[in-house]
Amino acid sequence: MKQILLSYGGGGEETQKLIKKLFFKYFSNPILEKMED
């Protein structure tokens, strides 16, 4: 992922993609991977 776009901040599908592709790469654990609010 080279860029973070404004569309990622909307809280929808794009935000989920960002979390899965970027944040889980560095902060992955079983609790976070459930993606529960």
PDB file of N, CA and C in Angstrom:
ATOM      1  N   MET A   1       0.855  -1.165   0.000  1.00  0.00           N
ATOM      2  CA  MET A   1       0.000   0.000   0.000  1.00  0.00           C
ATOM      3  C   MET A   1       0.902   1.230   0.000  1.00  0.00           C
ATOM      4  N   LYS A   2       0.775   2.025  -1.052  1.00  0.00           N
ATOM      5  CA  LYS A   2       1.632   3.190  -1.195  1.00  0.00           C
ATOM      6  C   LYS A   2       0.981   4.474  -0.708  1.00  0.00           C
ATOM      7  N   GLN A   3      -0.346   4.512  -0.725  1.00  0.00           N
ATOM      8  CA  GLN A   3      -1.055   5.727  -0.339  1.00  0.00           C
ATOM      9  C   GLN A   3      -2.230   5.397   0.571  1.00  0.00           C
ATOM     10  N   ILE A   4      -2.529   6.323   1.446  1.00  0.00           N
ATOM     11  CA  ILE A   4      -3.757   6.236   2.230  1.00  0.00           C
ATOM     12  C   ILE A   4      -4.659   7.350   1.717  1.00  0.00           C
ATOM     13  N   LEU A   5      -5.814   6.967   1.198  1.00  0.00           N
ATOM     14  CA  LEU A   5      -6.733   7.921   0.592  1.00  0.00           C
ATOM     15  C   LEU A   5      -7.785   8.393   1.593  1.00  0.00           C
ATOM     16  N   LEU A   6      -8.421   9.523   1.294  1.00  0.00           N
ATOM     17  CA  LEU A   6      -9.485  10.030   2.162  1.00  0.00           C
ATOM     18  C   LEU A   6     -10.628   9.037   2.288  1.00  0.00           C
ATOM     19  N   SER A   7     -10.841   8.233   1.254  1.00  0.00           N
ATOM     20  CA  SER A   7     -11.945   7.262   1.291  1.00  0.00           C
ATOM     21  C   SER A   7     -11.762   6.226   2.394  1.00  0.00           C
ATOM     22  N   TYR A   8     -10.541   6.039   2.856  1.00  0.00           N
ATOM     23  CA  TYR A   8     -10.298   5.075   3.928  1.00  0.00           C
ATOM     24  C   TYR A   8     -10.842   5.561   5.265  1.00  0.00           C
ATOM     25  N   GLY A   9     -11.107   6.845   5.395  1.00  0.00           N
ATOM     26  CA  GLY A   9     -11.568   7.397   6.667  1.00  0.00           C
ATOM     27  C   GLY A   9     -13.070   7.362   6.863  1.00  0.00           C
ATOM     28  N   GLY A  10     -13.805   6.804   5.908  1.00  0.00           N
ATOM     29  CA  GLY A  10     -15.261   6.818   5.979  1.00  0.00           C
ATOM     30  C   GLY A  10     -15.862   5.774   6.888  1.00  0.00           C
ATOM     31  N   GLY A  11     -15.085   4.808   7.310  1.00  0.00           N
ATOM     32  CA  GLY A  11     -15.588   3.791   8.221  1.00  0.00           C
ATOM     33  C   GLY A  11     -16.250   2.607   7.546  1.00  0.00           C
ATOM     34  N   GLY A  12     -16.219   2.548   6.229  1.00  0.00           N
ATOM     35  CA  GLY A  12     -16.860   1.449   5.505  1.00  0.00           C
ATOM     36  C   GLY A  12     -15.872   0.398   5.034  1.00  0.00           C
ATOM     37  N   GLU A  13     -16.131  -0.124   3.851  1.00  0.00           N
ATOM     38  CA  GLU A  13     -15.303  -1.193   3.294  1.00  0.00           C
ATOM     39  C   GLU A  13     -13.857  -0.757   3.101  1.00  0.00           C
ATOM     40  N   GLU A  14     -13.647   0.481   2.681  1.00  0.00           N
ATOM     41  CA  GLU A  14     -12.279   0.956   2.455  1.00  0.00           C
ATOM     42  C   GLU A  14     -11.494   0.992   3.766  1.00  0.00           C
ATOM     43  N   THR A  15     -12.149   1.370   4.842  1.00  0.00           N
ATOM     44  CA  THR A  15     -11.491   1.377   6.149  1.00  0.00           C
ATOM     45  C   THR A  15     -11.100  -0.036   6.553  1.00  0.00           C
ATOM     46  N   GLN A  16     -11.973  -1.000   6.311  1.00  0.00           N
ATOM     47  CA  GLN A  16     -11.665  -2.393   6.629  1.00  0.00           C
ATOM     48  C   GLN A  16     -10.478  -2.888   5.816  1.00  0.00           C
ATOM     49  N   LYS A  17     -10.401  -2.506   4.550  1.00  0.00           N
ATOM     50  CA  LYS A  17      -9.260  -2.884   3.710  1.00  0.00           C
ATOM     51  C   LYS A  17      -7.970  -2.318   4.278  1.00  0.00           C
ATOM     52  N   LEU A  18      -8.001  -1.056   4.690  1.00  0.00           N
ATOM     53  CA  LEU A  18      -6.823  -0.411   5.261  1.00  0.00           C
ATOM     54  C   LEU A  18      -6.366  -1.141   6.517  1.00  0.00           C
ATOM     55  N   ILE A  19      -7.300  -1.447   7.387  1.00  0.00           N
ATOM     56  CA  ILE A  19      -6.968  -2.140   8.634  1.00  0.00           C
ATOM     57  C   ILE A  19      -6.353  -3.502   8.340  1.00  0.00           C
ATOM     58  N   LYS A  20      -6.974  -4.258   7.445  1.00  0.00           N
ATOM     59  CA  LYS A  20      -6.491  -5.605   7.139  1.00  0.00           C
ATOM     60  C   LYS A  20      -5.136  -5.592   6.446  1.00  0.00           C
ATOM     61  N   LYS A  21      -4.940  -4.682   5.498  1.00  0.00           N
ATOM     62  CA  LYS A  21      -3.709  -4.669   4.705  1.00  0.00           C
ATOM     63  C   LYS A  21      -2.540  -4.008   5.418  1.00  0.00           C
ATOM     64  N   LEU A  22      -2.792  -3.008   6.231  1.00  0.00           N
ATOM     65  CA  LEU A  22      -1.702  -2.253   6.836  1.00  0.00           C
ATOM     66  C   LEU A  22      -1.553  -2.527   8.328  1.00  0.00           C
ATOM     67  N   PHE A  23      -2.598  -2.300   9.085  1.00  0.00           N
ATOM     68  CA  PHE A  23      -2.477  -2.388  10.534  1.00  0.00           C
ATOM     69  C   PHE A  23      -2.292  -3.817  11.034  1.00  0.00           C
ATOM     70  N   PHE A  24      -3.001  -4.777  10.441  1.00  0.00           N
ATOM     71  CA  PHE A  24      -2.841  -6.162  10.883  1.00  0.00           C
ATOM     72  C   PHE A  24      -1.439  -6.683  10.598  1.00  0.00           C
ATOM     73  N   LYS A  25      -0.786  -6.090   9.623  1.00  0.00           N
ATOM     74  CA  LYS A  25       0.587  -6.492   9.292  1.00  0.00           C
ATOM     75  C   LYS A  25       1.513  -6.271  10.493  1.00  0.00           C
ATOM     76  N   TYR A  26       1.256  -5.209  11.254  1.00  0.00           N
ATOM     77  CA  TYR A  26       2.127  -4.852  12.369  1.00  0.00           C
ATOM     78  C   TYR A  26       1.507  -5.093  13.749  1.00  0.00           C
ATOM     79  N   PHE A  27       0.189  -5.098  13.834  1.00  0.00           N
ATOM     80  CA  PHE A  27      -0.479  -5.194  15.130  1.00  0.00           C
ATOM     81  C   PHE A  27      -1.425  -6.382  15.217  1.00  0.00           C
ATOM     82  N   SER A  28      -1.135  -7.425  14.490  1.00  0.00           N
ATOM     83  CA  SER A  28      -2.041  -8.567  14.420  1.00  0.00           C
ATOM     84  C   SER A  28      -2.053  -9.373  15.719  1.00  0.00           C
ATOM     85  N   ASN A  29      -3.246  -9.705  16.165  1.00  0.00           N
ATOM     86  CA  ASN A  29      -3.428 -10.639  17.263  1.00  0.00           C
ATOM     87  C   ASN A  29      -4.860 -11.161  17.184  1.00  0.00           C
ATOM     88  N   PRO A  30      -5.165 -12.283  17.828  1.00  0.00           N
ATOM     89  CA  PRO A  30      -6.490 -12.911  17.693  1.00  0.00           C
ATOM     90  C   PRO A  30      -7.657 -12.001  18.074  1.00  0.00           C
ATOM     91  N   ILE A  31      -7.473 -11.148  19.048  1.00  0.00           N
ATOM     92  CA  ILE A  31      -8.560 -10.264  19.474  1.00  0.00           C
ATOM     93  C   ILE A  31      -8.839  -9.210  18.405  1.00  0.00           C
ATOM     94  N   LEU A  32      -7.793  -8.576  17.888  1.00  0.00           N
ATOM     95  CA  LEU A  32      -7.988  -7.557  16.859  1.00  0.00           C
ATOM     96  C   LEU A  32      -8.507  -8.145  15.560  1.00  0.00           C
ATOM     97  N   GLU A  33      -8.091  -9.361  15.230  1.00  0.00           N
ATOM     98  CA  GLU A  33      -8.499  -9.982  13.971  1.00  0.00           C
ATOM     99  C   GLU A  33      -9.997 -10.287  13.915  1.00  0.00           C
ATOM    100  N   LYS A  34     -10.675 -10.273  15.054  1.00  0.00           N
ATOM    101  CA  LYS A  34     -12.129 -10.462  15.064  1.00  0.00           C
ATOM    102  C   LYS A  34     -12.835  -9.245  14.474  1.00  0.00           C
ATOM    103  N   MET A  35     -12.176  -8.102  14.475  1.00  0.00           N
ATOM    104  CA  MET A  35     -12.700  -6.829  13.957  1.00  0.00           C
ATOM    105  C   MET A  35     -14.058  -6.491  14.551  1.00  0.00           C
ATOM    106  N   GLU A  36     -14.168  -6.651  15.849  1.00  0.00           N
ATOM    107  CA  GLU A  36     -15.391  -6.275  16.563  1.00  0.00           C
ATOM    108  C   GLU A  36     -15.210  -4.872  17.131  1.00  0.00           C
ATOM    109  N   ASP A  37     -16.249  -4.089  17.068  1.00  0.00           N
ATOM    110  CA  ASP A  37     -16.174  -2.732  17.626  1.00  0.00           C
ATOM    111  C   ASP A  37     -16.339  -2.765  19.118  1.00  0.00           C
TER     112      ASP A  37
END
